[in-house]
Protein backbone atom coordinates (compact mmCIF):
# COMPACT_ATOMS: atom_id res chain seq x y z
CA MET A 1 -23.16 94.50 -27.38
CA ALA A 2 -24.67 94.16 -30.86
CA GLY A 3 -25.32 97.58 -32.36
CA GLN A 4 -23.06 99.34 -29.84
CA PRO A 5 -19.43 100.35 -30.49
CA LEU A 6 -16.91 97.91 -29.04
CA ASN A 7 -14.13 99.23 -26.85
CA ILE A 8 -11.04 97.18 -27.75
CA LEU A 9 -7.90 97.66 -25.68
CA LEU A 10 -4.70 96.87 -27.60
CA VAL A 11 -1.69 96.48 -25.31
CA GLU A 12 1.17 96.64 -27.81
CA HIS A 13 4.61 98.30 -27.66
CA SER A 14 5.31 98.15 -31.40
CA SER A 15 3.74 100.94 -33.46
CA GLU A 16 4.03 98.81 -36.61
CA ASP A 17 2.17 95.90 -35.04
CA ALA A 18 -0.47 98.27 -33.68
CA THR A 19 -1.03 99.71 -37.15
CA LEU A 20 -1.20 96.18 -38.56
CA VAL A 21 -3.95 95.24 -36.12
CA GLN A 22 -5.88 98.45 -36.90
CA ASP A 23 -5.63 97.83 -40.65
CA GLN A 24 -6.47 94.14 -40.42
CA LEU A 25 -9.64 94.78 -38.45
CA GLY A 26 -10.94 97.52 -40.72
CA ASP A 27 -14.66 96.90 -41.07
CA ARG A 28 -14.44 93.13 -40.63
CA LEU A 29 -15.95 93.08 -37.12
CA GLY A 30 -19.34 93.92 -38.55
CA GLN A 31 -19.89 96.75 -36.06
CA GLU A 32 -18.27 99.96 -34.94
CA PHE A 33 -15.32 99.75 -32.61
CA SER A 34 -12.91 101.99 -30.78
CA LEU A 35 -9.29 100.78 -30.57
CA LEU A 36 -7.48 102.07 -27.48
CA ARG A 37 -3.74 101.46 -27.37
CA CYS A 38 -1.37 101.23 -24.42
CA GLU A 39 2.36 100.50 -24.77
CA ARG A 40 3.04 99.38 -21.19
CA LEU A 41 1.31 97.05 -18.74
CA ASP A 42 1.02 99.78 -16.11
CA ASP A 43 -0.70 102.06 -18.63
CA ALA A 44 -3.11 99.26 -19.55
CA LEU A 45 -4.04 98.66 -15.92
CA ARG A 46 -4.80 102.36 -15.44
CA CYS A 47 -6.84 102.40 -18.65
CA ILE A 48 -8.97 99.49 -17.40
CA ASP A 49 -9.69 101.46 -14.23
CA ARG A 50 -10.85 104.48 -16.24
CA GLN A 51 -12.65 102.92 -19.22
CA SER A 52 -15.21 100.26 -19.97
CA ILE A 53 -13.38 97.62 -22.02
CA ASP A 54 -15.10 94.84 -23.98
CA VAL A 55 -12.05 92.82 -25.10
CA VAL A 56 -8.27 93.02 -24.65
CA LEU A 57 -5.66 92.24 -27.33
CA LEU A 58 -2.44 91.63 -25.41
CA ASP A 59 1.16 91.39 -26.56
CA LEU A 60 3.20 89.51 -23.96
CA SER A 61 6.49 91.38 -24.67
CA LEU A 62 6.19 94.86 -23.16
CA PRO A 63 8.80 97.31 -21.83
CA ASP A 64 7.73 96.72 -18.21
CA SER A 65 6.69 93.04 -18.39
CA SER A 66 7.17 89.92 -20.47
CA GLY A 67 5.92 86.38 -20.92
CA LEU A 68 3.29 84.77 -18.74
CA ALA A 69 3.76 87.46 -16.07
CA THR A 70 2.27 90.00 -18.49
CA PHE A 71 -0.87 87.96 -18.88
CA THR A 72 -1.30 87.17 -15.17
CA GLY A 73 -0.69 90.81 -14.25
CA LEU A 74 -3.44 91.97 -16.60
CA ARG A 75 -5.82 89.15 -15.71
CA GLU A 76 -5.79 90.13 -12.02
CA LYS A 77 -7.19 93.53 -12.98
CA ALA A 78 -9.37 92.36 -15.89
CA SER A 79 -10.63 88.98 -14.68
CA GLY A 80 -14.08 89.58 -16.17
CA MET A 81 -12.82 90.59 -19.64
CA PRO A 82 -12.03 88.30 -22.59
CA ILE A 83 -8.29 88.44 -23.35
CA VAL A 84 -6.77 87.45 -26.71
CA VAL A 85 -2.99 87.03 -26.55
CA LEU A 86 -0.92 88.18 -29.54
CA THR A 87 2.67 87.06 -29.88
CA GLY A 88 5.43 87.63 -32.35
CA ARG A 89 6.70 84.05 -32.15
CA GLU A 90 5.33 80.53 -32.42
CA ASP A 91 5.48 79.21 -28.86
CA LEU A 92 3.08 76.34 -28.24
CA ASP A 93 4.17 75.91 -24.63
CA LEU A 94 3.45 79.57 -23.86
CA ALA A 95 0.17 79.35 -25.75
CA SER A 96 -0.86 76.38 -23.65
CA GLU A 97 0.09 78.20 -20.43
CA VAL A 98 -1.91 81.35 -21.14
CA MET A 99 -4.92 79.34 -22.29
CA GLN A 100 -4.80 77.28 -19.11
CA ASN A 101 -4.63 80.49 -17.10
CA GLY A 102 -7.76 81.96 -18.65
CA ALA A 103 -6.93 83.51 -22.03
CA GLN A 104 -9.73 83.21 -24.58
CA ASP A 105 -7.37 82.69 -27.51
CA PHE A 106 -3.75 82.90 -28.67
CA LEU A 107 -2.67 84.22 -32.11
CA PRO A 108 0.82 84.51 -33.64
CA LYS A 109 1.06 87.96 -35.25
CA ALA A 110 2.71 86.63 -38.39
CA ALA A 111 -0.29 84.45 -39.16
CA ILE A 112 -3.01 87.00 -38.43
CA THR A 113 -5.48 87.91 -41.15
CA GLY A 114 -8.25 90.45 -40.83
CA GLY A 115 -11.01 87.88 -40.98
CA GLN A 116 -9.27 85.60 -38.52
CA LEU A 117 -8.69 88.42 -36.03
CA ALA A 118 -12.31 89.59 -36.27
CA ARG A 119 -13.62 86.05 -35.76
CA THR A 120 -11.27 85.53 -32.83
CA ILE A 121 -12.52 88.69 -31.13
CA ARG A 122 -16.17 87.72 -31.64
CA TYR A 123 -15.60 84.15 -30.48
CA ALA A 124 -13.57 85.30 -27.49
CA MET A 125 -16.36 87.59 -26.34
CA GLN A 126 -19.02 84.91 -26.89
CA ARG A 127 -16.91 82.28 -25.14
CA LYS A 128 -16.45 84.58 -22.16
CA ILE A 129 -20.22 85.04 -21.95
CA TRP A 130 -20.70 81.26 -22.05
CA GLU A 131 -18.08 80.76 -19.35
CA GLU A 132 -19.69 83.36 -17.11
CA THR A 133 -23.12 81.84 -17.67
CA LEU A 134 -21.80 78.37 -16.86
CA ARG A 135 -19.98 79.65 -13.78
CA THR A 136 -23.11 81.43 -12.56
CA ARG A 137 -25.21 78.31 -13.07
CA GLU A 138 -22.64 76.15 -11.30
CA GLU A 139 -22.55 78.58 -8.37
CA HIS A 140 -26.35 78.59 -8.27
CA LEU A 141 -26.42 74.78 -8.32
CA THR A 142 -23.81 74.66 -5.56
CA THR A 143 -25.87 77.09 -3.49
CA ILE A 144 -29.00 74.96 -4.00
CA GLU A 145 -27.11 71.81 -3.02
CA LYS A 146 -25.70 73.49 0.09
CA THR A 147 -29.12 74.83 1.04
CA GLU A 148 -30.69 71.39 0.57
CA ALA A 149 -27.93 69.82 2.68
CA ILE A 150 -28.49 72.40 5.42
CA ALA A 151 -32.24 71.78 5.20
CA ARG A 152 -31.75 68.03 5.60
CA LEU A 153 -29.43 68.60 8.54
CA SER A 154 -31.89 71.08 10.06
CA GLY A 155 -34.75 68.61 9.71
CA GLY A 156 -32.73 65.86 11.35
CA LEU A 157 -31.65 68.12 14.21
CA ALA A 158 -35.20 69.34 14.75
CA HIS A 159 -36.44 65.73 14.90
CA SER A 160 -33.86 64.92 17.59
CA TYR A 161 -34.66 68.10 19.51
CA ASN A 162 -38.38 67.35 19.40
CA ASN A 163 -37.88 63.88 20.87
CA ILE A 164 -35.73 65.25 23.70
CA LEU A 165 -38.12 68.13 24.38
CA THR A 166 -41.12 65.79 24.54
CA ALA A 167 -39.43 63.96 27.42
CA ILE A 168 -38.41 67.21 29.18
CA ILE A 169 -41.89 68.74 28.92
CA GLY A 170 -43.52 65.50 30.04
CA TYR A 171 -41.37 65.15 33.14
CA CYS A 172 -41.91 68.83 34.03
CA GLU A 173 -45.65 68.17 34.00
CA LEU A 174 -45.18 65.09 36.19
CA LEU A 175 -43.03 67.04 38.64
CA THR A 176 -45.33 70.03 39.00
CA PRO A 177 -47.92 68.46 41.36
CA LEU A 178 -45.18 66.64 43.30
CA VAL A 179 -43.38 69.87 44.25
CA ALA A 180 -46.49 72.02 44.77
CA ASN A 181 -45.51 72.73 48.41
CA ASP A 182 -41.97 73.84 47.57
CA PRO A 183 -41.99 77.35 46.00
CA THR A 184 -38.35 77.10 44.90
CA ALA A 185 -38.95 73.77 43.17
CA VAL A 186 -42.13 75.10 41.56
CA ARG A 187 -40.20 78.07 40.11
CA ALA A 188 -37.38 75.83 38.92
CA THR A 189 -39.77 73.39 37.26
CA ALA A 190 -41.63 76.25 35.58
CA ALA A 191 -38.33 77.71 34.34
CA VAL A 192 -37.32 74.38 32.80
CA PHE A 193 -40.76 74.06 31.19
CA ASP A 194 -40.53 77.59 29.73
CA ALA A 195 -37.02 76.93 28.41
CA ALA A 196 -38.24 73.73 26.75
CA GLN A 197 -41.08 75.64 25.10
CA ARG A 198 -38.61 78.22 23.74
CA ALA A 199 -36.41 75.42 22.45
CA ALA A 200 -39.48 73.92 20.77
CA GLY A 201 -39.93 77.25 19.00
CA LEU A 202 -36.37 77.00 17.67
CA ALA A 203 -37.09 73.49 16.42
CA ARG A 204 -40.19 74.78 14.62
CA GLN A 205 -38.04 77.49 13.08
CA LEU A 206 -35.62 74.88 11.76
CA MET A 207 -38.57 72.96 10.31
CA ALA A 208 -39.93 76.11 8.70
CA PHE A 209 -36.52 76.85 7.18
CA CYS A 210 -36.39 73.45 5.49
CA HIS A 211 -40.11 73.65 4.49
CA ARG A 212 -41.05 70.76 6.77
CA GLN A 213 -43.18 72.60 9.31
CA PRO A 214 -46.84 72.62 8.23
CA LEU A 215 -49.02 75.54 9.19
CA ARG A 216 -51.76 75.05 11.74
CA VAL A 217 -53.85 78.06 10.92
CA ALA A 218 -57.03 79.37 12.47
CA PRO A 219 -59.00 82.60 11.99
CA ALA A 220 -57.56 85.25 14.30
CA ALA A 221 -57.62 89.00 14.80
CA ILE A 222 -54.11 89.98 13.71
CA ALA A 223 -53.99 93.00 16.04
CA GLU A 224 -54.71 90.74 19.01
CA LEU A 225 -52.02 88.25 17.97
CA ILE A 226 -49.43 91.02 17.85
CA ALA A 227 -50.57 92.50 21.16
CA ALA A 228 -50.15 89.07 22.77
CA SER A 229 -46.50 89.06 21.64
CA GLU A 230 -45.65 92.39 23.30
CA GLY A 231 -44.08 90.83 26.41
CA PRO A 232 -41.68 88.48 24.58
CA LEU A 233 -40.83 91.27 22.13
CA ARG A 234 -39.85 93.66 24.93
CA ASP A 235 -37.75 90.90 26.50
CA ALA A 236 -36.00 90.29 23.16
CA LEU A 237 -34.99 93.94 22.69
CA ALA A 238 -32.14 95.59 24.53
CA PRO A 239 -33.05 98.16 27.23
CA SER A 240 -31.71 100.86 24.91
CA VAL A 241 -34.25 99.96 22.20
CA GLU A 242 -37.74 101.45 22.53
CA LEU A 243 -40.72 99.39 21.35
CA VAL A 244 -43.76 101.22 19.97
CA LEU A 245 -46.95 99.36 18.97
CA THR A 246 -49.61 100.88 16.71
CA LEU A 247 -52.32 98.28 16.22
CA ASP A 248 -55.51 99.07 14.32
CA PRO A 249 -58.33 96.60 15.18
CA ALA A 250 -59.83 97.39 11.76
CA ALA A 251 -57.02 95.30 10.25
CA GLY A 252 -59.45 92.45 10.83
CA ASN A 253 -58.95 88.71 10.78
CA VAL A 254 -56.48 86.52 8.94
CA LEU A 255 -55.84 82.79 8.72
CA ALA A 256 -52.68 82.51 10.80
CA ASP A 257 -50.56 80.13 12.81
CA GLN A 258 -50.07 82.07 16.05
CA SER A 259 -46.72 80.45 16.85
CA ARG A 260 -45.41 81.42 13.40
CA ILE A 261 -46.56 85.02 13.81
CA ASP A 262 -44.74 85.14 17.16
CA GLU A 263 -41.58 83.73 15.60
CA MET A 264 -41.68 86.16 12.66
CA LEU A 265 -42.00 89.12 15.00
CA LEU A 266 -39.17 87.87 17.21
CA ASP A 267 -36.87 87.24 14.24
CA LEU A 268 -37.45 90.76 12.93
CA ALA A 269 -36.98 92.18 16.43
CA PHE A 270 -33.67 90.30 16.81
CA SER A 271 -32.53 91.63 13.43
CA ALA A 272 -33.37 95.20 14.49
CA ARG A 273 -31.71 94.80 17.90
CA ASP A 274 -28.47 93.45 16.45
CA ALA A 275 -28.34 96.25 13.86
CA MET A 276 -28.72 98.96 16.54
CA PRO A 277 -26.06 98.18 19.19
CA GLN A 278 -26.20 101.79 20.41
CA GLY A 279 -29.97 101.70 20.81
CA GLY A 280 -32.87 103.01 18.80
CA GLN A 281 -36.55 102.41 18.21
CA VAL A 282 -38.61 99.51 16.84
CA ARG A 283 -42.12 100.33 15.63
CA ILE A 284 -44.62 97.52 15.02
CA GLY A 285 -47.96 98.27 13.44
CA VAL A 286 -50.82 96.64 11.62
CA ALA A 287 -53.49 98.20 9.42
CA CYS A 288 -55.94 97.29 6.68
CA ARG A 289 -55.02 98.07 3.09
CA ASP A 290 -56.86 97.30 -0.15
CA LEU A 291 -54.94 97.05 -3.42
CA ARG A 292 -56.65 97.46 -6.78
CA ALA A 293 -53.44 96.96 -8.75
CA PRO A 294 -50.26 94.93 -8.16
CA LEU A 295 -47.67 96.58 -5.91
CA ALA A 296 -44.04 96.05 -6.91
CA GLY A 297 -41.44 95.65 -4.20
CA THR A 298 -38.46 93.73 -2.83
CA PRO A 299 -38.39 90.76 -2.57
CA ASP A 300 -42.08 90.18 -3.42
CA ALA A 301 -44.71 91.87 -5.53
CA VAL A 302 -48.15 92.06 -3.92
CA PRO A 303 -51.18 91.11 -6.07
CA PRO A 304 -54.48 93.02 -5.80
CA GLY A 305 -56.64 92.19 -2.81
CA SER A 306 -57.54 93.08 0.76
CA TYR A 307 -54.70 92.76 3.25
CA ALA A 308 -53.76 93.15 6.87
CA VAL A 309 -50.34 94.78 6.60
CA LEU A 310 -47.96 94.10 9.49
CA THR A 311 -45.00 96.48 9.52
CA VAL A 312 -41.81 96.30 11.58
CA SER A 313 -39.71 99.47 11.32
CA ASP A 314 -36.48 100.42 13.04
CA THR A 315 -33.88 103.19 13.08
CA ARG A 316 -30.86 101.17 11.96
CA PRO A 317 -28.40 102.65 9.42
CA VAL A 318 -29.55 102.47 5.83
CA VAL A 319 -29.13 99.09 4.12
CA ALA A 320 -27.75 99.20 0.57
CA PRO A 321 -30.36 98.25 -2.08
CA ASP A 322 -28.26 95.39 -3.51
CA VAL A 323 -27.85 93.95 0.00
CA LEU A 324 -31.53 94.38 0.84
CA ALA A 325 -32.53 92.58 -2.37
CA HIS A 326 -30.87 89.37 -1.12
CA ALA A 327 -31.41 89.78 2.61
CA PHE A 328 -34.07 87.05 2.78
CA ASP A 329 -31.99 84.48 0.89
CA PRO A 330 -30.78 81.79 3.36
CA SER A 331 -27.45 81.44 1.54
CA PHE A 332 -26.75 85.19 1.55
CA THR A 333 -24.00 86.61 3.73
CA THR A 334 -22.87 90.21 4.11
CA LYS A 335 -20.34 92.31 5.95
CA ASP A 336 -22.95 95.06 6.18
CA HIS A 337 -23.48 95.35 9.94
CA ALA A 338 -26.73 97.24 9.32
CA LEU A 339 -28.27 93.93 8.33
CA ASN A 340 -28.58 90.72 10.30
CA ALA A 341 -29.37 88.34 7.45
CA GLY A 342 -29.34 84.58 7.20
CA LEU A 343 -31.58 81.90 8.68
CA GLY A 344 -33.81 84.24 10.74
CA LEU A 345 -34.87 86.51 7.86
CA ALA A 346 -35.06 83.59 5.43
CA THR A 347 -37.40 81.81 7.83
CA VAL A 348 -39.60 84.91 8.05
CA HIS A 349 -39.92 84.99 4.27
CA THR A 350 -40.74 81.27 4.14
CA SER A 351 -43.43 81.64 6.81
CA VAL A 352 -44.99 84.62 5.03
CA LYS A 353 -45.20 82.68 1.76
CA GLN A 354 -46.73 79.69 3.57
CA HIS A 355 -49.43 82.04 4.90
CA GLY A 356 -50.23 83.03 1.30
CA GLY A 357 -48.79 86.49 1.91
CA ALA A 358 -46.02 88.67 0.53
CA LEU A 359 -43.05 90.43 2.08
CA GLN A 360 -41.48 93.74 1.15
CA ALA A 361 -38.47 95.51 2.64
CA ASP A 362 -37.37 99.12 2.26
CA SER A 363 -34.48 101.09 3.74
CA ARG A 364 -34.02 104.86 3.47
CA VAL A 365 -31.52 107.33 4.82
CA GLY A 366 -32.91 109.05 7.90
CA GLU A 367 -35.94 106.73 8.06
CA GLY A 368 -34.39 103.34 8.84
CA THR A 369 -35.60 99.99 7.56
CA THR A 370 -39.19 98.76 7.25
CA VAL A 371 -40.31 95.19 6.64
CA SER A 372 -43.94 94.90 5.54
CA ILE A 373 -45.80 91.60 5.75
CA TRP A 374 -48.97 91.47 3.63
CA LEU A 375 -51.42 88.85 4.90
CA PRO A 376 -54.73 88.23 3.07
CA ARG A 377 -57.71 89.33 5.18
CA LEU A 378 -60.67 87.06 5.86
CA VAL A 379 -63.76 88.79 4.53
CA ASP A 380 -66.07 86.20 6.12
CA PRO A 381 -64.02 84.73 8.96
CA ARG A 382 -64.83 81.25 10.13
CA PRO A 383 -65.29 80.76 13.85
CA ALA A 384 -62.14 79.63 15.58
CA GLN A 385 -62.17 76.10 16.94
CA ASP A 386 -61.68 75.40 20.59
CA SER A 387 -58.08 74.63 21.47
CA PRO A 388 -57.38 70.96 22.23
CA GLY A 389 -56.47 71.83 25.81
CA ALA A 390 -59.97 73.12 26.51
CA ARG A 391 -61.89 70.40 24.68
CA HIS A 392 -62.80 68.09 27.56
CA ALA A 393 -63.75 68.91 31.13
CA SER A 394 -62.17 65.62 32.27
CA VAL A 395 -59.23 63.88 30.64
CA HIS A 396 -59.33 60.81 32.89
CA GLY A 397 -60.30 57.32 31.77
CA LEU A 398 -60.03 53.61 32.53
CA GLU A 399 -59.38 52.26 29.03
CA SER A 400 -56.37 50.20 27.94
CA ILE A 401 -53.87 52.14 25.85
CA LEU A 402 -50.79 50.84 24.05
CA ILE A 403 -47.88 53.25 23.60
CA VAL A 404 -45.46 52.31 20.80
CA GLU A 405 -42.28 54.40 20.91
CA ASP A 406 -38.65 53.43 20.31
CA ASP A 407 -37.30 56.27 22.50
CA PRO A 408 -37.33 54.83 26.05
CA GLN A 409 -37.57 58.24 27.78
CA ILE A 410 -40.58 59.32 25.74
CA CYS A 411 -42.20 55.91 26.18
CA ALA A 412 -41.74 56.09 29.96
CA VAL A 413 -42.93 59.65 30.46
CA LEU A 414 -46.04 59.17 28.30
CA GLY A 415 -46.85 55.99 30.19
CA GLU A 416 -46.51 57.66 33.58
CA SER A 417 -48.53 60.70 32.50
CA LEU A 418 -51.43 58.64 31.17
CA SER A 419 -51.33 56.27 34.14
CA ALA A 420 -51.82 59.32 36.35
CA HIS A 421 -55.05 59.94 34.42
CA GLY A 422 -56.31 56.45 35.27
CA TYR A 423 -55.57 54.58 32.04
CA ARG A 424 -54.19 51.05 31.93
CA ILE A 425 -50.94 51.45 30.01
CA LEU A 426 -49.00 48.92 27.94
CA LEU A 427 -45.61 49.82 26.44
CA ALA A 428 -43.88 48.60 23.27
CA SER A 429 -40.56 49.73 21.81
CA ALA A 430 -41.15 48.39 18.28
CA GLY A 431 -43.92 47.53 15.84
CA THR A 432 -43.41 43.76 16.11
CA GLU A 433 -43.72 43.90 19.90
CA ALA A 434 -46.85 46.03 19.55
CA LEU A 435 -48.52 43.45 17.28
CA GLN A 436 -47.79 40.68 19.79
CA ILE A 437 -49.30 42.70 22.64
CA LEU A 438 -52.36 43.56 20.58
CA SER A 439 -52.93 39.88 19.84
CA THR A 440 -52.76 38.74 23.48
CA ALA A 441 -53.60 41.67 25.76
CA VAL A 442 -56.46 41.21 28.22
CA PRO A 443 -58.48 43.35 28.49
CA ALA A 444 -58.22 44.30 24.84
CA VAL A 445 -56.37 47.47 23.87
CA GLN A 446 -58.78 50.20 22.79
CA LEU A 447 -56.35 52.84 21.54
CA VAL A 448 -52.77 52.90 20.22
CA VAL A 449 -50.44 55.89 20.49
CA THR A 450 -47.61 55.19 18.06
CA ASP A 451 -44.54 57.02 16.84
CA VAL A 452 -44.30 57.27 13.06
CA ASP A 453 -40.52 56.86 12.73
CA MET A 454 -39.39 53.52 14.11
CA PRO A 455 -36.95 50.89 12.86
CA GLY A 456 -38.54 47.86 11.26
CA ILE A 457 -42.30 48.30 11.26
CA ASN A 458 -42.98 52.04 11.31
CA GLY A 459 -46.16 53.68 12.52
CA TYR A 460 -47.87 53.70 9.13
CA GLU A 461 -47.16 50.01 8.53
CA LEU A 462 -48.36 49.21 12.05
CA ALA A 463 -51.63 51.02 11.31
CA ARG A 464 -52.03 49.07 8.06
CA ARG A 465 -51.65 45.75 9.88
CA LEU A 466 -53.99 46.88 12.63
CA ARG A 467 -56.76 47.35 10.06
CA GLN A 468 -56.64 43.59 9.50
CA LEU A 469 -55.96 42.50 13.09
CA ARG A 470 -58.08 44.95 15.12
CA PRO A 471 -60.09 47.34 12.95
CA ASP A 472 -61.90 48.62 16.06
CA VAL A 473 -58.73 50.09 17.62
CA ARG A 474 -58.26 53.86 17.42
CA ILE A 475 -54.82 55.23 16.48
CA ILE A 476 -53.01 58.45 17.39
CA PHE A 477 -49.79 59.19 15.51
CA ILE A 478 -46.94 61.12 17.13
CA SER A 479 -43.81 62.26 15.28
CA GLY A 480 -40.82 64.53 15.56
CA HIS A 481 -40.98 65.14 11.81
CA ALA A 482 -43.65 67.80 11.44
CA GLU A 483 -44.15 67.16 7.72
CA GLN A 484 -45.52 63.66 8.34
CA GLU A 485 -49.23 64.30 8.53
CA ARG A 486 -51.87 61.63 9.16
CA PRO A 487 -52.92 59.54 6.16
CA ALA A 488 -55.97 61.12 4.59
CA GLY A 489 -59.27 59.27 4.82
CA ASP A 490 -58.24 56.61 7.35
CA PRO A 491 -61.09 56.25 9.88
CA MET A 492 -58.85 54.40 12.34
CA VAL A 493 -56.46 57.35 12.64
CA SER A 494 -57.96 59.78 15.13
CA ALA A 495 -55.20 62.36 15.49
CA TYR A 496 -51.68 63.36 14.59
CA LEU A 497 -49.57 65.12 17.24
CA PRO A 498 -46.25 66.73 16.31
CA LYS A 499 -43.60 66.53 19.01
CA PRO A 500 -43.12 68.13 21.43
CA PHE A 501 -46.60 68.13 22.94
CA SER A 502 -47.92 68.38 26.47
CA ALA A 503 -49.52 65.55 28.41
CA LEU A 504 -52.77 67.54 28.46
CA THR A 505 -52.76 67.79 24.67
CA LEU A 506 -52.31 64.03 24.37
CA ALA A 507 -54.95 63.32 27.04
CA ASN A 508 -57.48 65.50 25.22
CA ALA A 509 -56.69 63.78 21.91
CA ILE A 510 -57.24 60.39 23.58
CA ARG A 511 -60.62 61.40 25.07
CA ASP A 512 -61.68 62.79 21.71
CA ALA A 513 -60.65 59.60 19.88
CA LEU A 514 -62.38 57.28 22.35
CA LYS A 515 -65.50 59.41 22.37
CA ARG A 516 -65.75 59.25 18.58
CA GLY A 517 -64.79 55.58 18.49
């Protein structure tokens, strides 16, 4: 407020006391001020509604209110304003009460001097600023702590889901050839498998939300990735919502995790669907755009460069700018039904940032809301690698494999699946048991598939001991915690598989490890 006139509201019934305050202040504040006077509490409340007030000087004895009730009545209306209480009597108990209830200071009128009053006003305003700053920082810290707690909970839940889903997917794969002659059973098994895959997508979303889901990117034509998502997108939208795709192949290639692109599109589609209960239109497009200068926007600015811009537009009611500015904050909530904020949109923003991109959102009356995802284009795209499922013509073998897994269902289903491929399988539920088997097994174990998270000796410690005991053994890590990547530079570690995975994925990883070993 320095350099600007202060608006001081004096709530005082006595004309003499009001004149005294005016005279005492004089030019002692060190800046211009305007003194507005109200004689009654009701008048003061109406004045606060009409005017911008910087500080309130409040007498507690008014014609329509007295004592602490005067202060609390004003504070309800002026909770964000510094209030200095003036009283005609020395009353330490009352002073303590009003200070405890939020007054910035308390001055007996008989003891007021001009300098003291000016200092009190300045200090009251500064103290209010400090209090608001502290409150804002405390709220921000609380939000961070809550978000971190939710992230930890999300990571733990995703780990548990991934373990369960690994068993479900594995048993579905075992059942499929057994029920091949029963069409009803085939459909039921396929439905369970598809549901498990969708649940795995939710687990990945939880991991992405808590920044624990690493990207597995590969060069890809972004227009083709979006086109491949058309079926799930149409299924996600209500029949009353029209889907329109405008995909320009010239958008080119990007480094992308296909599953993340699918999830981003679905999250934005869900947001649009929920915001248009009466129906509407969702338009998804992608095009190439080159920027020579930074592009400002909400929530991200886009630096110069060449981009494939993925846009998702809808015809929902306009979203207020202040709401849109926080829509991608995971802790943000709103009563604005035009926006479906929260985890879904926050996860989209997280995924975009992990892709090295930027996100911008815009909402206009008559045009709806558009979310633009800017992904850096690959000028010289690298050839995409073959998927693990297509790596080997045959995934059968006769080698001895040790599976180390403390979850009995996962241990059993992996053992049965690999036995069906011809391998000799040994099972261990803990690291100590695994070391005993490795020391005595005949024929010798050639490869170990081990979970990372186990009580006692975990997967990493088991691998360390194996280097001394059997340096020729190949190791494949499996884990429900997606952030636990394989140790860099360890020649014994052939692969890392995040749960859930299919039996075919594991079988291909085994053939690849044994071939290289």
